[in-house]
Amino acid sequence: MRVPTEILMRSNGRWPQDVKKVPFQEILPLRLKNRVSGKADSISEVECLQEMAILFACMKDNEFAEKYCQKEISNFQKCFKFHMDKNFQAKQQENLGIIVPGRNLNYRQLNKYMRGYPNPL
């Protein structure tokens, strides 16, 4: 059953604001800047956290004797090597200026791309 709006507004409700009574005031310009800051790129992701937790649990159970946790140590080292290789390849592509579609662009690549399409003033 549909309740009329007037009944809902009588019981401590508020009517929607009239747009004509409250005009829009532009405080900041409603357009993008021609560049992007690099502040968000400084956040680093935590890699190999699960492998590290498994390794520490094994070490704790075996009183920190490494000879009983060789499988966990090798898994952690593989994960770390894969992470470092991935970072190295990303840096190589960034230095060459290669823009890979489907990947997140860093601020330098975005600024380079946005220079080609500046906002009109």
PDB file of N, CA and C in Angstrom:
ATOM      1  N   MET A   1       0.844  -1.176   0.000  1.00  0.00           N
ATOM      2  CA  MET A   1       0.000   0.000   0.000  1.00  0.00           C
ATOM      3  C   MET A   1       0.885   1.233   0.000  1.00  0.00           C
ATOM      4  N   ARG A   2       0.566   2.170  -0.855  1.00  0.00           N
ATOM      5  CA  ARG A   2       1.348   3.379  -0.980  1.00  0.00           C
ATOM      6  C   ARG A   2       0.763   4.465  -0.069  1.00  0.00           C
ATOM      7  N   VAL A   3       1.639   5.097   0.733  1.00  0.00           N
ATOM      8  CA  VAL A   3       1.215   6.142   1.658  1.00  0.00           C
ATOM      9  C   VAL A   3       1.458   7.492   0.994  1.00  0.00           C
ATOM     10  N   PRO A   4       0.466   8.385   1.024  1.00  0.00           N
ATOM     11  CA  PRO A   4       0.676   9.717   0.429  1.00  0.00           C
ATOM     12  C   PRO A   4       1.780  10.489   1.149  1.00  0.00           C
ATOM     13  N   THR A   5       2.473  11.333   0.403  1.00  0.00           N
ATOM     14  CA  THR A   5       3.597  12.099   0.945  1.00  0.00           C
ATOM     15  C   THR A   5       3.158  13.049   2.048  1.00  0.00           C
ATOM     16  N   GLU A   6       1.947  13.582   1.954  1.00  0.00           N
ATOM     17  CA  GLU A   6       1.477  14.545   2.963  1.00  0.00           C
ATOM     18  C   GLU A   6       1.393  13.899   4.337  1.00  0.00           C
ATOM     19  N   ILE A   7       0.984  12.641   4.414  1.00  0.00           N
ATOM     20  CA  ILE A   7       0.876  11.955   5.696  1.00  0.00           C
ATOM     21  C   ILE A   7       2.262  11.737   6.289  1.00  0.00           C
ATOM     22  N   LEU A   8       3.232  11.387   5.463  1.00  0.00           N
ATOM     23  CA  LEU A   8       4.583  11.181   5.968  1.00  0.00           C
ATOM     24  C   LEU A   8       5.207  12.472   6.472  1.00  0.00           C
ATOM     25  N   MET A   9       4.904  13.589   5.853  1.00  0.00           N
ATOM     26  CA  MET A   9       5.509  14.859   6.234  1.00  0.00           C
ATOM     27  C   MET A   9       4.898  15.415   7.517  1.00  0.00           C
ATOM     28  N   ARG A  10       3.699  14.983   7.888  1.00  0.00           N
ATOM     29  CA  ARG A  10       3.083  15.478   9.120  1.00  0.00           C
ATOM     30  C   ARG A  10       3.765  14.913  10.358  1.00  0.00           C
ATOM     31  N   SER A  11       4.273  13.707  10.293  1.00  0.00           N
ATOM     32  CA  SER A  11       4.851  13.065  11.475  1.00  0.00           C
ATOM     33  C   SER A  11       6.354  13.321  11.536  1.00  0.00           C
ATOM     34  N   ASN A  12       6.723  14.505  11.965  1.00  0.00           N
ATOM     35  CA  ASN A  12       8.120  14.917  12.168  1.00  0.00           C
ATOM     36  C   ASN A  12       8.978  14.761  10.910  1.00  0.00           C
ATOM     37  N   GLY A  13       8.388  14.839   9.753  1.00  0.00           N
ATOM     38  CA  GLY A  13       9.139  14.763   8.511  1.00  0.00           C
ATOM     39  C   GLY A  13       9.456  16.155   8.006  1.00  0.00           C
ATOM     40  N   ARG A  14      10.284  16.232   7.001  1.00  0.00           N
ATOM     41  CA  ARG A  14      10.622  17.524   6.401  1.00  0.00           C
ATOM     42  C   ARG A  14      10.323  17.456   4.928  1.00  0.00           C
ATOM     43  N   TRP A  15       9.828  18.553   4.408  1.00  0.00           N
ATOM     44  CA  TRP A  15       9.631  18.663   2.971  1.00  0.00           C
ATOM     45  C   TRP A  15      10.981  18.864   2.313  1.00  0.00           C
ATOM     46  N   PRO A  16      11.151  18.393   1.098  1.00  0.00           N
ATOM     47  CA  PRO A  16      12.414  18.637   0.404  1.00  0.00           C
ATOM     48  C   PRO A  16      12.620  20.132   0.169  1.00  0.00           C
ATOM     49  N   GLN A  17      13.883  20.525   0.160  1.00  0.00           N
ATOM     50  CA  GLN A  17      14.202  21.933  -0.024  1.00  0.00           C
ATOM     51  C   GLN A  17      13.859  22.374  -1.441  1.00  0.00           C
ATOM     52  N   ASP A  18      13.357  23.608  -1.551  1.00  0.00           N
ATOM     53  CA  ASP A  18      13.024  24.158  -2.858  1.00  0.00           C
ATOM     54  C   ASP A  18      14.305  24.674  -3.512  1.00  0.00           C
ATOM     55  N   VAL A  19      14.545  24.265  -4.732  1.00  0.00           N
ATOM     56  CA  VAL A  19      15.769  24.650  -5.437  1.00  0.00           C
ATOM     57  C   VAL A  19      15.789  26.149  -5.706  1.00  0.00           C
ATOM     58  N   LYS A  20      14.639  26.738  -5.906  1.00  0.00           N
ATOM     59  CA  LYS A  20      14.591  28.174  -6.210  1.00  0.00           C
ATOM     60  C   LYS A  20      14.949  29.021  -5.002  1.00  0.00           C
ATOM     61  N   LYS A  21      14.681  28.520  -3.789  1.00  0.00           N
ATOM     62  CA  LYS A  21      15.011  29.282  -2.587  1.00  0.00           C
ATOM     63  C   LYS A  21      16.499  29.215  -2.250  1.00  0.00           C
ATOM     64  N   VAL A  22      17.156  28.148  -2.643  1.00  0.00           N
ATOM     65  CA  VAL A  22      18.570  27.975  -2.336  1.00  0.00           C
ATOM     66  C   VAL A  22      19.333  27.874  -3.656  1.00  0.00           C
ATOM     67  N   PRO A  23      19.847  28.992  -4.170  1.00  0.00           N
ATOM     68  CA  PRO A  23      20.562  28.937  -5.448  1.00  0.00           C
ATOM     69  C   PRO A  23      21.942  28.293  -5.278  1.00  0.00           C
ATOM     70  N   PHE A  24      22.439  27.721  -6.352  1.00  0.00           N
ATOM     71  CA  PHE A  24      23.753  27.086  -6.348  1.00  0.00           C
ATOM     72  C   PHE A  24      24.835  28.157  -6.384  1.00  0.00           C
ATOM     73  N   GLN A  25      25.809  28.042  -5.477  1.00  0.00           N
ATOM     74  CA  GLN A  25      26.941  28.958  -5.455  1.00  0.00           C
ATOM     75  C   GLN A  25      28.209  28.157  -5.717  1.00  0.00           C
ATOM     76  N   GLU A  26      28.893  28.489  -6.777  1.00  0.00           N
ATOM     77  CA  GLU A  26      30.122  27.785  -7.127  1.00  0.00           C
ATOM     78  C   GLU A  26      31.262  28.350  -6.292  1.00  0.00           C
ATOM     79  N   ILE A  27      31.769  27.556  -5.364  1.00  0.00           N
ATOM     80  CA  ILE A  27      32.869  27.995  -4.500  1.00  0.00           C
ATOM     81  C   ILE A  27      34.201  27.746  -5.191  1.00  0.00           C
ATOM     82  N   LEU A  28      34.378  26.517  -5.717  1.00  0.00           N
ATOM     83  CA  LEU A  28      35.565  26.163  -6.487  1.00  0.00           C
ATOM     84  C   LEU A  28      35.140  25.882  -7.917  1.00  0.00           C
ATOM     85  N   PRO A  29      36.029  26.047  -8.874  1.00  0.00           N
ATOM     86  CA  PRO A  29      35.642  25.770 -10.262  1.00  0.00           C
ATOM     87  C   PRO A  29      35.305  24.291 -10.460  1.00  0.00           C
ATOM     88  N   LEU A  30      34.263  24.040 -11.257  1.00  0.00           N
ATOM     89  CA  LEU A  30      33.799  22.681 -11.491  1.00  0.00           C
ATOM     90  C   LEU A  30      34.502  22.074 -12.707  1.00  0.00           C
ATOM     91  N   ARG A  31      35.798  21.951 -12.620  1.00  0.00           N
ATOM     92  CA  ARG A  31      36.576  21.315 -13.679  1.00  0.00           C
ATOM     93  C   ARG A  31      37.822  20.697 -13.052  1.00  0.00           C
ATOM     94  N   LEU A  32      38.371  19.737 -13.743  1.00  0.00           N
ATOM     95  CA  LEU A  32      39.571  19.078 -13.254  1.00  0.00           C
ATOM     96  C   LEU A  32      40.795  19.948 -13.495  1.00  0.00           C
ATOM     97  N   LYS A  33      41.799  19.746 -12.672  1.00  0.00           N
ATOM     98  CA  LYS A  33      43.060  20.423 -12.904  1.00  0.00           C
ATOM     99  C   LYS A  33      43.793  19.714 -14.036  1.00  0.00           C
ATOM    100  N   ASN A  34      44.821  20.339 -14.554  1.00  0.00           N
ATOM    101  CA  ASN A  34      45.575  19.762 -15.659  1.00  0.00           C
ATOM    102  C   ASN A  34      46.684  18.826 -15.203  1.00  0.00           C
ATOM    103  N   ARG A  35      46.732  18.539 -13.901  1.00  0.00           N
ATOM    104  CA  ARG A  35      47.756  17.635 -13.388  1.00  0.00           C
ATOM    105  C   ARG A  35      47.211  16.885 -12.181  1.00  0.00           C
ATOM    106  N   VAL A  36      47.935  15.835 -11.813  1.00  0.00           N
ATOM    107  CA  VAL A  36      47.565  14.991 -10.684  1.00  0.00           C
ATOM    108  C   VAL A  36      48.738  14.972  -9.724  1.00  0.00           C
ATOM    109  N   SER A  37      48.466  15.061  -8.416  1.00  0.00           N
ATOM    110  CA  SER A  37      49.555  15.004  -7.448  1.00  0.00           C
ATOM    111  C   SER A  37      49.958  13.554  -7.230  1.00  0.00           C
ATOM    112  N   GLY A  38      51.154  13.341  -6.754  1.00  0.00           N
ATOM    113  CA  GLY A  38      51.660  11.989  -6.555  1.00  0.00           C
ATOM    114  C   GLY A  38      51.536  11.506  -5.130  1.00  0.00           C
ATOM    115  N   LYS A  39      50.658  12.097  -4.328  1.00  0.00           N
ATOM    116  CA  LYS A  39      50.556  11.719  -2.922  1.00  0.00           C
ATOM    117  C   LYS A  39      50.042  10.299  -2.735  1.00  0.00           C
ATOM    118  N   ALA A  40      49.084   9.885  -3.539  1.00  0.00           N
ATOM    119  CA  ALA A  40      48.467   8.573  -3.353  1.00  0.00           C
ATOM    120  C   ALA A  40      49.392   7.442  -3.771  1.00  0.00           C
ATOM    121  N   ASP A  41      50.392   7.702  -4.591  1.00  0.00           N
ATOM    122  CA  ASP A  41      51.295   6.648  -5.037  1.00  0.00           C
ATOM    123  C   ASP A  41      52.277   6.216  -3.953  1.00  0.00           C
ATOM    124  N   SER A  42      52.402   7.000  -2.883  1.00  0.00           N
ATOM    125  CA  SER A  42      53.367   6.654  -1.848  1.00  0.00           C
ATOM    126  C   SER A  42      52.877   5.521  -0.961  1.00  0.00           C
ATOM    127  N   ILE A  43      51.600   5.160  -1.034  1.00  0.00           N
ATOM    128  CA  ILE A  43      51.071   4.067  -0.227  1.00  0.00           C
ATOM    129  C   ILE A  43      51.541   2.745  -0.836  1.00  0.00           C
ATOM    130  N   SER A  44      52.199   1.930  -0.026  1.00  0.00           N
ATOM    131  CA  SER A  44      52.701   0.662  -0.546  1.00  0.00           C
ATOM    132  C   SER A  44      51.796  -0.478  -0.076  1.00  0.00           C
ATOM    133  N   GLU A  45      51.634  -1.452  -0.935  1.00  0.00           N
ATOM    134  CA  GLU A  45      50.827  -2.608  -0.600  1.00  0.00           C
ATOM    135  C   GLU A  45      51.683  -3.612   0.171  1.00  0.00           C
ATOM    136  N   VAL A  46      51.056  -4.348   1.047  1.00  0.00           N
ATOM    137  CA  VAL A  46      51.760  -5.369   1.801  1.00  0.00           C
ATOM    138  C   VAL A  46      51.704  -6.660   0.999  1.00  0.00           C
ATOM    139  N   GLU A  47      52.850  -7.164   0.637  1.00  0.00           N
ATOM    140  CA  GLU A  47      52.948  -8.391  -0.143  1.00  0.00           C
ATOM    141  C   GLU A  47      53.476  -9.508   0.753  1.00  0.00           C
ATOM    142  N   CYS A  48      53.124 -10.727   0.420  1.00  0.00           N
ATOM    143  CA  CYS A  48      53.623 -11.943   1.084  1.00  0.00           C
ATOM    144  C   CYS A  48      53.289 -11.978   2.573  1.00  0.00           C
ATOM    145  N   LEU A  49      52.218 -11.357   2.966  1.00  0.00           N
ATOM    146  CA  LEU A  49      51.854 -11.315   4.385  1.00  0.00           C
ATOM    147  C   LEU A  49      51.431 -12.700   4.868  1.00  0.00           C
ATOM    148  N   GLN A  50      50.673 -13.426   4.061  1.00  0.00           N
ATOM    149  CA  GLN A  50      50.214 -14.746   4.466  1.00  0.00           C
ATOM    150  C   GLN A  50      51.396 -15.708   4.618  1.00  0.00           C
ATOM    151  N   GLU A  51      52.326 -15.671   3.674  1.00  0.00           N
ATOM    152  CA  GLU A  51      53.491 -16.552   3.754  1.00  0.00           C
ATOM    153  C   GLU A  51      54.341 -16.234   4.975  1.00  0.00           C
ATOM    154  N   MET A  52      54.452 -14.939   5.294  1.00  0.00           N
ATOM    155  CA  MET A  52      55.229 -14.539   6.461  1.00  0.00           C
ATOM    156  C   MET A  52      54.554 -15.005   7.746  1.00  0.00           C
ATOM    157  N   ALA A  53      53.232 -14.923   7.808  1.00  0.00           N
ATOM    158  CA  ALA A  53      52.506 -15.369   8.997  1.00  0.00           C
ATOM    159  C   ALA A  53      52.657 -16.876   9.190  1.00  0.00           C
ATOM    160  N   ILE A  54      52.586 -17.634   8.090  1.00  0.00           N
ATOM    161  CA  ILE A  54      52.765 -19.080   8.176  1.00  0.00           C
ATOM    162  C   ILE A  54      54.179 -19.420   8.635  1.00  0.00           C
ATOM    163  N   LEU A  55      55.163 -18.688   8.122  1.00  0.00           N
ATOM    164  CA  LEU A  55      56.552 -18.911   8.521  1.00  0.00           C
ATOM    165  C   LEU A  55      56.744 -18.632  10.007  1.00  0.00           C
ATOM    166  N   PHE A  56      56.209 -17.519  10.496  1.00  0.00           N
ATOM    167  CA  PHE A  56      56.365 -17.197  11.913  1.00  0.00           C
ATOM    168  C   PHE A  56      55.627 -18.189  12.804  1.00  0.00           C
ATOM    169  N   ALA A  57      54.485 -18.683  12.360  1.00  0.00           N
ATOM    170  CA  ALA A  57      53.767 -19.690  13.148  1.00  0.00           C
ATOM    171  C   ALA A  57      54.587 -20.971  13.238  1.00  0.00           C
ATOM    172  N   CYS A  58      55.190 -21.377  12.127  1.00  0.00           N
ATOM    173  CA  CYS A  58      56.041 -22.566  12.132  1.00  0.00           C
ATOM    174  C   CYS A  58      57.251 -22.361  13.038  1.00  0.00           C
ATOM    175  N   MET A  59      57.869 -21.204  12.946  1.00  0.00           N
ATOM    176  CA  MET A  59      59.038 -20.918  13.785  1.00  0.00           C
ATOM    177  C   MET A  59      58.666 -20.930  15.269  1.00  0.00           C
ATOM    178  N   LYS A  60      57.502 -20.385  15.589  1.00  0.00           N
ATOM    179  CA  LYS A  60      57.069 -20.349  16.985  1.00  0.00           C
ATOM    180  C   LYS A  60      56.812 -21.764  17.509  1.00  0.00           C
ATOM    181  N   ASP A  61      56.179 -22.602  16.673  1.00  0.00           N
ATOM    182  CA  ASP A  61      55.878 -23.969  17.094  1.00  0.00           C
ATOM    183  C   ASP A  61      57.142 -24.801  17.289  1.00  0.00           C
ATOM    184  N   ASN A  62      58.190 -24.495  16.522  1.00  0.00           N
ATOM    185  CA  ASN A  62      59.436 -25.265  16.587  1.00  0.00           C
ATOM    186  C   ASN A  62      60.543 -24.542  17.335  1.00  0.00           C
ATOM    187  N   GLU A  63      60.179 -23.620  18.201  1.00  0.00           N
ATOM    188  CA  GLU A  63      61.123 -22.871  19.044  1.00  0.00           C
ATOM    189  C   GLU A  63      62.210 -22.182  18.214  1.00  0.00           C
ATOM    190  N   PHE A  64      61.784 -21.620  17.091  1.00  0.00           N
ATOM    191  CA  PHE A  64      62.624 -20.811  16.204  1.00  0.00           C
ATOM    192  C   PHE A  64      63.832 -21.574  15.637  1.00  0.00           C
ATOM    193  N   ALA A  65      63.635 -22.851  15.405  1.00  0.00           N
ATOM    194  CA  ALA A  65      64.658 -23.655  14.728  1.00  0.00           C
ATOM    195  C   ALA A  65      64.325 -23.665  13.236  1.00  0.00           C
ATOM    196  N   GLU A  66      65.223 -23.127  12.431  1.00  0.00           N
ATOM    197  CA  GLU A  66      64.956 -22.983  10.998  1.00  0.00           C
ATOM    198  C   GLU A  66      64.940 -24.313  10.253  1.00  0.00           C
ATOM    199  N   LYS A  67      65.593 -25.326  10.782  1.00  0.00           N
ATOM    200  CA  LYS A  67      65.703 -26.590  10.046  1.00  0.00           C
ATOM    201  C   LYS A  67      64.368 -27.307   9.920  1.00  0.00           C
ATOM    202  N   TYR A  68      63.377 -26.994  10.758  1.00  0.00           N
ATOM    203  CA  TYR A  68      62.069 -27.629  10.671  1.00  0.00           C
ATOM    204  C   TYR A  68      61.095 -26.863   9.775  1.00  0.00           C
ATOM    205  N   CYS A  69      61.459 -25.682   9.323  1.00  0.00           N
ATOM    206  CA  CYS A  69      60.546 -24.825   8.544  1.00  0.00           C
ATOM    207  C   CYS A  69      61.108 -24.497   7.162  1.00  0.00           C
ATOM    208  N   GLN A  70      61.810 -25.418   6.561  1.00  0.00           N
ATOM    209  CA  GLN A  70      62.424 -25.137   5.262  1.00  0.00           C
ATOM    210  C   GLN A  70      61.384 -24.894   4.165  1.00  0.00           C
ATOM    211  N   LYS A  71      60.272 -25.624   4.203  1.00  0.00           N
ATOM    212  CA  LYS A  71      59.244 -25.447   3.170  1.00  0.00           C
ATOM    213  C   LYS A  71      58.626 -24.039   3.268  1.00  0.00           C
ATOM    214  N   GLU A  72      58.346 -23.590   4.478  1.00  0.00           N
ATOM    215  CA  GLU A  72      57.760 -22.259   4.670  1.00  0.00           C
ATOM    216  C   GLU A  72      58.745 -21.162   4.289  1.00  0.00           C
ATOM    217  N   ILE A  73      60.017 -21.377   4.598  1.00  0.00           N
ATOM    218  CA  ILE A  73      61.039 -20.384   4.243  1.00  0.00           C
ATOM    219  C   ILE A  73      61.156 -20.273   2.725  1.00  0.00           C
ATOM    220  N   SER A  74      61.160 -21.407   2.038  1.00  0.00           N
ATOM    221  CA  SER A  74      61.277 -21.353   0.576  1.00  0.00           C
ATOM    222  C   SER A  74      60.039 -20.727  -0.060  1.00  0.00           C
ATOM    223  N   ASN A  75      58.839 -20.991   0.497  1.00  0.00           N
ATOM    224  CA  ASN A  75      57.622 -20.350  -0.025  1.00  0.00           C
ATOM    225  C   ASN A  75      57.677 -18.833   0.151  1.00  0.00           C
ATOM    226  N   PHE A  76      58.158 -18.388   1.294  1.00  0.00           N
ATOM    227  CA  PHE A  76      58.273 -16.945   1.538  1.00  0.00           C
ATOM    228  C   PHE A  76      59.299 -16.314   0.599  1.00  0.00           C
ATOM    229  N   GLN A  77      60.417 -16.986   0.390  1.00  0.00           N
ATOM    230  CA  GLN A  77      61.443 -16.451  -0.501  1.00  0.00           C
ATOM    231  C   GLN A  77      60.960 -16.396  -1.950  1.00  0.00           C
ATOM    232  N   LYS A  78      60.194 -17.405  -2.389  1.00  0.00           N
ATOM    233  CA  LYS A  78      59.617 -17.379  -3.736  1.00  0.00           C
ATOM    234  C   LYS A  78      58.660 -16.206  -3.900  1.00  0.00           C
ATOM    235  N   CYS A  79      57.811 -16.011  -2.898  1.00  0.00           N
ATOM    236  CA  CYS A  79      56.844 -14.909  -2.965  1.00  0.00           C
ATOM    237  C   CYS A  79      57.570 -13.568  -3.022  1.00  0.00           C
ATOM    238  N   PHE A  80      58.599 -13.413  -2.195  1.00  0.00           N
ATOM    239  CA  PHE A  80      59.349 -12.153  -2.169  1.00  0.00           C
ATOM    240  C   PHE A  80      60.058 -11.910  -3.494  1.00  0.00           C
ATOM    241  N   LYS A  81      60.651 -12.954  -4.072  1.00  0.00           N
ATOM    242  CA  LYS A  81      61.330 -12.805  -5.364  1.00  0.00           C
ATOM    243  C   LYS A  81      60.334 -12.424  -6.463  1.00  0.00           C
ATOM    244  N   PHE A  82      59.151 -13.056  -6.461  1.00  0.00           N
ATOM    245  CA  PHE A  82      58.116 -12.725  -7.441  1.00  0.00           C
ATOM    246  C   PHE A  82      57.674 -11.266  -7.288  1.00  0.00           C
ATOM    247  N   HIS A  83      57.518 -10.815  -6.056  1.00  0.00           N
ATOM    248  CA  HIS A  83      57.119  -9.423  -5.788  1.00  0.00           C
ATOM    249  C   HIS A  83      58.189  -8.441  -6.268  1.00  0.00           C
ATOM    250  N   MET A  84      59.450  -8.754  -6.012  1.00  0.00           N
ATOM    251  CA  MET A  84      60.527  -7.863  -6.438  1.00  0.00           C
ATOM    252  C   MET A  84      60.649  -7.829  -7.963  1.00  0.00           C
ATOM    253  N   ASP A  85      60.470  -8.977  -8.623  1.00  0.00           N
ATOM    254  CA  ASP A  85      60.508  -9.009 -10.090  1.00  0.00           C
ATOM    255  C   ASP A  85      59.367  -8.196 -10.689  1.00  0.00           C
ATOM    256  N   LYS A  86      58.196  -8.313 -10.102  1.00  0.00           N
ATOM    257  CA  LYS A  86      57.034  -7.557 -10.583  1.00  0.00           C
ATOM    258  C   LYS A  86      57.266  -6.054 -10.430  1.00  0.00           C
ATOM    259  N   ASN A  87      57.832  -5.637  -9.305  1.00  0.00           N
ATOM    260  CA  ASN A  87      58.139  -4.213  -9.096  1.00  0.00           C
ATOM    261  C   ASN A  87      59.205  -3.727 -10.074  1.00  0.00           C
ATOM    262  N   PHE A  88      60.202  -4.573 -10.342  1.00  0.00           N
ATOM    263  CA  PHE A  88      61.271  -4.193 -11.274  1.00  0.00           C
ATOM    264  C   PHE A  88      60.711  -3.998 -12.677  1.00  0.00           C
ATOM    265  N   GLN A  89      59.848  -4.902 -13.117  1.00  0.00           N
ATOM    266  CA  GLN A  89      59.239  -4.765 -14.446  1.00  0.00           C
ATOM    267  C   GLN A  89      58.359  -3.521 -14.538  1.00  0.00           C
ATOM    268  N   ALA A  90      57.620  -3.229 -13.472  1.00  0.00           N
ATOM    269  CA  ALA A  90      56.772  -2.030 -13.471  1.00  0.00           C
ATOM    270  C   ALA A  90      57.633  -0.775 -13.559  1.00  0.00           C
ATOM    271  N   LYS A  91      58.769  -0.748 -12.844  1.00  0.00           N
ATOM    272  CA  LYS A  91      59.676   0.408 -12.911  1.00  0.00           C
ATOM    273  C   LYS A  91      60.281   0.550 -14.298  1.00  0.00           C
ATOM    274  N   GLN A  92      60.621  -0.581 -14.920  1.00  0.00           N
ATOM    275  CA  GLN A  92      61.185  -0.544 -16.278  1.00  0.00           C
ATOM    276  C   GLN A  92      60.175   0.066 -17.250  1.00  0.00           C
ATOM    277  N   GLN A  93      58.921  -0.376 -17.166  1.00  0.00           N
ATOM    278  CA  GLN A  93      57.887   0.164 -18.055  1.00  0.00           C
ATOM    279  C   GLN A  93      57.634   1.633 -17.768  1.00  0.00           C
ATOM    280  N   GLU A  94      57.691   2.019 -16.500  1.00  0.00           N
ATOM    281  CA  GLU A  94      57.481   3.420 -16.147  1.00  0.00           C
ATOM    282  C   GLU A  94      58.605   4.292 -16.695  1.00  0.00           C
ATOM    283  N   ASN A  95      59.837   3.803 -16.610  1.00  0.00           N
ATOM    284  CA  ASN A  95      60.981   4.572 -17.117  1.00  0.00           C
ATOM    285  C   ASN A  95      60.960   4.691 -18.631  1.00  0.00           C
ATOM    286  N   LEU A  96      60.464   3.667 -19.310  1.00  0.00           N
ATOM    287  CA  LEU A  96      60.375   3.719 -20.766  1.00  0.00           C
ATOM    288  C   LEU A  96      59.184   4.539 -21.243  1.00  0.00           C
ATOM    289  N   GLY A  97      58.256   4.812 -20.358  1.00  0.00           N
ATOM    290  CA  GLY A  97      57.074   5.588 -20.734  1.00  0.00           C
ATOM    291  C   GLY A  97      55.996   4.756 -21.393  1.00  0.00           C
ATOM    292  N   ILE A  98      56.048   3.457 -21.211  1.00  0.00           N
ATOM    293  CA  ILE A  98      55.050   2.572 -21.811  1.00  0.00           C
ATOM    294  C   ILE A  98      53.777   2.626 -20.974  1.00  0.00           C
ATOM    295  N   ILE A  99      52.667   2.927 -21.632  1.00  0.00           N
ATOM    296  CA  ILE A  99      51.371   2.948 -20.956  1.00  0.00           C
ATOM    297  C   ILE A  99      50.650   1.659 -21.330  1.00  0.00           C
ATOM    298  N   VAL A 100      50.413   0.810 -20.332  1.00  0.00           N
ATOM    299  CA  VAL A 100      49.776  -0.487 -20.564  1.00  0.00           C
ATOM    300  C   VAL A 100      48.280  -0.327 -20.319  1.00  0.00           C
ATOM    301  N   PRO A 101      47.439  -0.619 -21.324  1.00  0.00           N
ATOM    302  CA  PRO A 101      45.999  -0.495 -21.109  1.00  0.00           C
ATOM    303  C   PRO A 101      45.510  -1.508 -20.089  1.00  0.00           C
ATOM    304  N   GLY A 102      44.557  -1.090 -19.263  1.00  0.00           N
ATOM    305  CA  GLY A 102      43.991  -1.967 -18.254  1.00  0.00           C
ATOM    306  C   GLY A 102      44.711  -1.918 -16.929  1.00  0.00           C
ATOM    307  N   ARG A 103      45.853  -1.277 -16.855  1.00  0.00           N
ATOM    308  CA  ARG A 103      46.598  -1.154 -15.605  1.00  0.00           C
ATOM    309  C   ARG A 103      46.384   0.233 -15.020  1.00  0.00           C
ATOM    310  N   ASN A 104      46.556   0.322 -13.718  1.00  0.00           N
ATOM    311  CA  ASN A 104      46.485   1.633 -13.082  1.00  0.00           C
ATOM    312  C   ASN A 104      47.721   2.430 -13.462  1.00  0.00           C
ATOM    313  N   LEU A 105      47.507   3.668 -13.846  1.00  0.00           N
ATOM    314  CA  LEU A 105      48.618   4.529 -14.229  1.00  0.00           C
ATOM    315  C   LEU A 105      49.106   5.282 -13.003  1.00  0.00           C
ATOM    316  N   ASN A 106      50.398   5.534 -12.941  1.00  0.00           N
ATOM    317  CA  ASN A 106      50.901   6.353 -11.848  1.00  0.00           C
ATOM    318  C   ASN A 106      50.731   7.829 -12.211  1.00  0.00           C
ATOM    319  N   TYR A 107      51.079   8.704 -11.293  1.00  0.00           N
ATOM    320  CA  TYR A 107      50.800  10.129 -11.499  1.00  0.00           C
ATOM    321  C   TYR A 107      51.631  10.725 -12.640  1.00  0.00           C
ATOM    322  N   ARG A 108      52.835  10.228 -12.869  1.00  0.00           N
ATOM    323  CA  ARG A 108      53.653  10.760 -13.971  1.00  0.00           C
ATOM    324  C   ARG A 108      53.018  10.428 -15.322  1.00  0.00           C
ATOM    325  N   GLN A 109      52.544   9.179 -15.454  1.00  0.00           N
ATOM    326  CA  GLN A 109      51.917   8.777 -16.706  1.00  0.00           C
ATOM    327  C   GLN A 109      50.612   9.533 -16.924  1.00  0.00           C
ATOM    328  N   LEU A 110      49.847   9.749 -15.860  1.00  0.00           N
ATOM    329  CA  LEU A 110      48.604  10.518 -15.987  1.00  0.00           C
ATOM    330  C   LEU A 110      48.879  11.959 -16.396  1.00  0.00           C
ATOM    331  N   ASN A 111      49.881  12.576 -15.779  1.00  0.00           N
ATOM    332  CA  ASN A 111      50.221  13.955 -16.132  1.00  0.00           C
ATOM    333  C   ASN A 111      50.673  14.062 -17.580  1.00  0.00           C
ATOM    334  N   LYS A 112      51.443  13.075 -18.032  1.00  0.00           N
ATOM    335  CA  LYS A 112      51.891  13.076 -19.430  1.00  0.00           C
ATOM    336  C   LYS A 112      50.699  12.949 -20.372  1.00  0.00           C
ATOM    337  N   TYR A 113      49.762  12.094 -20.026  1.00  0.00           N
ATOM    338  CA  TYR A 113      48.575  11.894 -20.854  1.00  0.00           C
ATOM    339  C   TYR A 113      47.684  13.138 -20.846  1.00  0.00           C
ATOM    340  N   MET A 114      47.527  13.775 -19.677  1.00  0.00           N
ATOM    341  CA  MET A 114      46.640  14.933 -19.555  1.00  0.00           C
ATOM    342  C   MET A 114      47.223  16.174 -20.214  1.00  0.00           C
ATOM    343  N   ARG A 115      48.533  16.219 -20.418  1.00  0.00           N
ATOM    344  CA  ARG A 115      49.134  17.359 -21.130  1.00  0.00           C
ATOM    345  C   ARG A 115      48.610  17.458 -22.554  1.00  0.00           C
ATOM    346  N   GLY A 116      48.232  16.346 -23.126  1.00  0.00           N
ATOM    347  CA  GLY A 116      47.703  16.342 -24.491  1.00  0.00           C
ATOM    348  C   GLY A 116      46.277  16.863 -24.570  1.00  0.00           C
ATOM    349  N   TYR A 117      45.554  16.874 -23.454  1.00  0.00           N
ATOM    350  CA  TYR A 117      44.154  17.302 -23.439  1.00  0.00           C
ATOM    351  C   TYR A 117      43.933  18.289 -22.297  1.00  0.00           C
ATOM    352  N   PRO A 118      44.472  19.508 -22.378  1.00  0.00           N
ATOM    353  CA  PRO A 118      44.305  20.460 -21.273  1.00  0.00           C
ATOM    354  C   PRO A 118      42.873  21.020 -21.232  1.00  0.00           C
ATOM    355  N   ASN A 119      42.493  21.435 -20.028  1.00  0.00           N
ATOM    356  CA  ASN A 119      41.187  22.064 -19.854  1.00  0.00           C
ATOM    357  C   ASN A 119      41.212  23.480 -20.404  1.00  0.00           C
ATOM    358  N   PRO A 120      40.181  23.889 -21.135  1.00  0.00           N
ATOM    359  CA  PRO A 120      40.139  25.274 -21.575  1.00  0.00           C
ATOM    360  C   PRO A 120      39.819  26.187 -20.387  1.00  0.00           C
ATOM    361  N   LEU A 121      40.422  27.345 -20.359  1.00  0.00           N
ATOM    362  CA  LEU A 121      40.178  28.265 -19.236  1.00  0.00           C
ATOM    363  C   LEU A 121      38.996  29.121 -19.441  1.00  0.00           C
TER     364      LEU A 121
END
